[in-house]
Amino acid sequence: MTQGVRSSQVCILGSAEPGSPAYDLAAAAGERLAALGVTLISGCGSPATRVAAERAVQAGGQVVSITPQDQMPSSDWPATVVIPCGMGDARNLLMALAGDACIVIGGRAGTISEVCLAWLHKRPLLPLVGCGGWSDRLPSNPPDERRNSPILPWASIAELERQLSHLELIPAV
């Protein structure tokens, strides 16, 4: 667990549609992270990352949303802190760097770019497996051969907690 005043920060990357198991796990992950006192970093751009942020806020957690546009979103945006960066897709670097680790759920091209940036900057990756999407392939197909950071797969909230504990981002479970 991180010492001092700053709580652990975990970035949630990816995409999954409502009604899918990955979407449901994204929601449960957001709620659980809030309960554990972990700050969630989310762009809230996909249904999965948005529901994770919504659930974390509803559970009383801290959510930082880094948005690609230069304008503040509406007041009902699911975040406690909003950072409109005005950088478009270059925002992906901020997303990759903002977490002590990055949860990866499903994903498309934007997710792949965030994952590669996180990998280059040695951020641990926690891909959801067993629900389809790009995150399923990440444990056996890392961005390159360098082994820059751990890739710690999870398929349930209990497994996600164990991986976060292994990284010392939450107390031992």
Protein backbone atom coordinates (compact mmCIF):
# COMPACT_ATOMS: atom_id res chain seq x y z
CA MET A 1 0.00 0.00 0.00
CA THR A 2 1.21 3.47 -0.81
CA GLN A 3 2.42 5.31 2.32
CA GLY A 4 1.70 8.94 3.13
CA VAL A 5 -1.22 11.13 2.20
CA ARG A 6 -1.81 10.03 -1.40
CA SER A 7 -4.09 7.06 -1.87
CA SER A 8 -3.31 4.42 -4.46
CA GLN A 9 -4.53 5.34 -7.94
CA VAL A 10 -5.72 2.80 -10.49
CA CYS A 11 -6.55 3.71 -14.06
CA ILE A 12 -9.35 1.83 -15.81
CA LEU A 13 -8.91 1.41 -19.55
CA GLY A 14 -11.00 -0.37 -22.14
CA SER A 15 -14.46 -0.88 -23.48
CA ALA A 16 -17.35 -3.27 -23.03
CA GLU A 17 -21.02 -2.92 -23.80
CA PRO A 18 -23.89 -2.86 -21.28
CA GLY A 19 -25.24 -6.32 -20.55
CA SER A 20 -21.91 -8.05 -21.10
CA PRO A 21 -20.02 -9.85 -18.31
CA ALA A 22 -17.08 -7.43 -18.83
CA TYR A 23 -19.38 -4.42 -18.32
CA ASP A 24 -20.76 -5.93 -15.12
CA LEU A 25 -17.24 -6.61 -13.83
CA ALA A 26 -16.19 -3.03 -14.68
CA ALA A 27 -19.09 -1.76 -12.54
CA ALA A 28 -18.17 -4.10 -9.68
CA ALA A 29 -14.49 -3.10 -9.94
CA GLY A 30 -15.35 0.60 -9.64
CA GLU A 31 -17.48 -0.04 -6.57
CA ARG A 32 -14.85 -2.24 -4.94
CA LEU A 33 -11.99 0.18 -5.63
CA ALA A 34 -13.99 2.93 -3.91
CA ALA A 35 -14.65 0.68 -0.91
CA LEU A 36 -10.91 -0.01 -0.69
CA GLY A 37 -10.03 3.70 -0.74
CA VAL A 38 -8.36 3.53 -4.15
CA THR A 39 -8.71 6.58 -6.40
CA LEU A 40 -10.11 5.57 -9.78
CA ILE A 41 -8.77 7.29 -12.88
CA SER A 42 -11.19 7.09 -15.82
CA GLY A 43 -11.81 8.92 -19.04
CA CYS A 44 -15.46 7.83 -18.82
CA GLY A 45 -15.43 7.55 -22.61
CA SER A 46 -16.66 4.00 -23.02
CA PRO A 47 -19.65 2.37 -21.36
CA ALA A 48 -17.33 0.17 -19.24
CA THR A 49 -15.07 2.96 -17.98
CA ARG A 50 -18.07 5.21 -17.38
CA VAL A 51 -19.98 2.60 -15.33
CA ALA A 52 -16.85 1.93 -13.25
CA ALA A 53 -16.65 5.65 -12.48
CA GLU A 54 -20.39 5.91 -11.76
CA ARG A 55 -20.26 3.00 -9.32
CA ALA A 56 -17.16 4.37 -7.60
CA VAL A 57 -18.79 7.78 -7.12
CA GLN A 58 -22.02 6.16 -5.85
CA ALA A 59 -19.92 4.20 -3.34
CA GLY A 60 -18.34 7.43 -2.05
CA GLY A 61 -15.01 6.99 -3.81
CA GLN A 62 -12.69 9.45 -5.49
CA VAL A 63 -12.80 9.45 -9.31
CA VAL A 64 -10.53 11.56 -11.50
CA SER A 65 -11.73 11.87 -15.09
CA ILE A 66 -9.22 12.99 -17.72
CA THR A 67 -11.26 14.04 -20.75
CA PRO A 68 -9.84 14.64 -24.25
CA GLN A 69 -11.76 17.87 -24.95
CA ASP A 70 -10.91 21.31 -23.59
CA GLN A 71 -14.34 22.01 -22.09
CA MET A 72 -15.73 20.93 -18.74
CA PRO A 73 -18.37 18.22 -19.10
CA SER A 74 -21.87 18.57 -17.67
CA SER A 75 -22.34 18.64 -13.91
CA ASP A 76 -23.67 15.07 -13.90
CA TRP A 77 -20.34 13.71 -15.22
CA PRO A 78 -19.37 10.69 -13.06
CA ALA A 79 -16.27 12.08 -11.36
CA THR A 80 -15.20 13.97 -8.26
CA VAL A 81 -12.38 15.70 -10.16
CA VAL A 82 -12.41 16.47 -13.91
CA ILE A 83 -9.34 17.39 -15.94
CA PRO A 84 -10.24 18.48 -19.48
CA CYS A 85 -6.85 18.25 -21.17
CA GLY A 86 -7.70 19.55 -24.67
CA MET A 87 -5.24 17.05 -26.13
CA GLY A 88 -7.57 14.69 -28.02
CA ASP A 89 -6.04 11.23 -28.35
CA ALA A 90 -2.77 12.46 -26.83
CA ARG A 91 -4.72 12.22 -23.55
CA ASN A 92 -3.92 8.50 -23.66
CA LEU A 93 -0.45 9.24 -22.28
CA LEU A 94 -1.95 11.04 -19.28
CA MET A 95 -4.28 8.09 -18.69
CA ALA A 96 -1.37 5.63 -18.86
CA LEU A 97 0.73 7.65 -16.42
CA ALA A 98 -1.99 8.60 -13.91
CA GLY A 99 -2.34 5.18 -12.30
CA ASP A 100 -0.05 3.16 -10.08
CA ALA A 101 -1.48 0.32 -12.19
CA CYS A 102 -3.92 0.01 -15.09
CA ILE A 103 -6.97 -2.25 -15.21
CA VAL A 104 -7.68 -3.30 -18.80
CA ILE A 105 -11.19 -4.39 -19.79
CA GLY A 106 -11.86 -5.60 -23.33
CA GLY A 107 -10.74 -2.77 -25.52
CA ARG A 108 -10.20 -1.52 -29.01
CA ALA A 109 -7.51 0.62 -30.69
CA GLY A 110 -7.59 3.42 -28.08
CA THR A 111 -7.14 0.86 -25.32
CA ILE A 112 -4.21 -0.72 -27.12
CA SER A 113 -2.48 2.65 -27.38
CA GLU A 114 -3.03 3.32 -23.64
CA VAL A 115 -1.75 -0.15 -22.75
CA CYS A 116 1.38 0.30 -24.87
CA LEU A 117 2.07 3.67 -23.26
CA ALA A 118 1.54 2.19 -19.78
CA TRP A 119 3.90 -0.66 -20.71
CA LEU A 120 6.58 1.75 -21.95
CA HIS A 121 6.34 3.65 -18.66
CA LYS A 122 6.46 0.47 -16.56
CA ARG A 123 2.92 0.56 -15.15
CA PRO A 124 1.58 -2.84 -14.05
CA LEU A 125 -1.28 -4.09 -16.22
CA LEU A 126 -4.30 -5.95 -14.84
CA PRO A 127 -6.23 -7.37 -17.80
CA LEU A 128 -9.70 -8.85 -17.36
CA VAL A 129 -9.65 -12.34 -18.91
CA GLY A 130 -12.42 -14.72 -19.84
CA CYS A 131 -14.85 -12.07 -21.07
CA GLY A 132 -13.54 -11.47 -24.59
CA GLY A 133 -11.89 -8.47 -26.13
CA TRP A 134 -8.29 -7.41 -26.40
CA SER A 135 -7.60 -7.80 -22.67
CA ASP A 136 -8.11 -11.58 -23.02
CA ARG A 137 -5.00 -11.78 -25.23
CA LEU A 138 -2.75 -9.48 -23.21
CA PRO A 139 -1.31 -12.08 -20.75
CA SER A 140 0.00 -14.27 -23.59
CA ASN A 141 0.68 -11.41 -26.01
CA PRO A 142 2.39 -8.50 -24.19
CA PRO A 143 3.18 -5.31 -26.12
CA ASP A 144 6.76 -6.49 -26.71
CA GLU A 145 9.48 -8.76 -25.32
CA ARG A 146 10.93 -6.34 -22.74
CA ARG A 147 8.85 -7.43 -19.72
CA ASN A 148 8.64 -3.80 -18.60
CA SER A 149 5.99 -4.44 -16.00
CA PRO A 150 3.93 -7.26 -14.57
CA ILE A 151 0.82 -8.42 -16.39
CA LEU A 152 -1.53 -9.75 -13.71
CA PRO A 153 -4.76 -11.19 -15.13
CA TRP A 154 -8.04 -11.40 -13.21
CA ALA A 155 -11.47 -12.90 -13.89
CA SER A 156 -13.34 -11.98 -10.69
CA ILE A 157 -13.36 -9.15 -8.17
CA ALA A 158 -11.67 -11.43 -5.62
CA GLU A 159 -8.84 -12.07 -8.11
CA LEU A 160 -8.57 -8.35 -8.86
CA GLU A 161 -8.21 -7.68 -5.12
CA ARG A 162 -5.46 -10.32 -4.85
CA GLN A 163 -3.57 -8.72 -7.75
CA LEU A 164 -3.88 -5.24 -6.23
CA SER A 165 -2.69 -6.64 -2.91
CA HIS A 166 0.24 -8.33 -4.66
CA LEU A 167 1.20 -4.90 -6.04
CA GLU A 168 0.85 -3.47 -2.51
CA LEU A 169 -1.80 -0.99 -3.69
CA ILE A 170 -4.27 -2.25 -1.07
CA PRO A 171 -3.74 -4.09 2.23
CA ALA A 172 -3.20 -7.84 2.05
CA VAL A 173 -6.39 -9.81 1.46
